[in-house]
Amino acid sequence: MKIYSESKRFDIALTNKDKVKLSCKDNYITIEFASLDYIDPGSNNFRYKLEGFDAEWILNGNRSYVSYTILPGGTYTFRITGSNNDGVWNEEGAELKLILTPPWYKTWYFKVALVLFIASMIYIIFSIRLRIWKNQKKLLKQKVT
């Protein structure tokens, strides 16, 4: 299995549960795969599912690659199964975990920092307005006396 993105290329032999970490800049990825039945390669069929993105299995025919564009940050599991030229499907298939880091402005710590910033700005504005109000009250009191 090969994975291509705009900045990286991975060649992976799926013997165990592998995972690939991609950045938010890798917003276009292509995954290539192959079946090991070489009797009639044109009759091999594939179906895949990107768990966390695709709702159902997608029948890919005999095309041996799939592309995704603009995936949101998160953790996904790419599952692939294939059939031989007799139409017998491999029910076990293979899987690959994809971890896409979100852009900095979609991370939880940015959201927390934004809430703290907005809360502190509200507090500062309220404090300034309160100080101005007290000074005006003091000036008015001096003018009255």
Foldseek 3Di string as FASTA:
>chain_A
DWKDFPVDIDDDDQPDAAEDEAEQNRQKMKDFDADPAPPPLQQKWKWKDWPVPRPDIGTDRSHGMDMGGRDAFDKIKIFMWMAYNVRDIDPVGGIYIYGYHHPPCPDPVVVVVVVVVVVVVVVVVVVVVVVVVVVVVVVVVVVVD
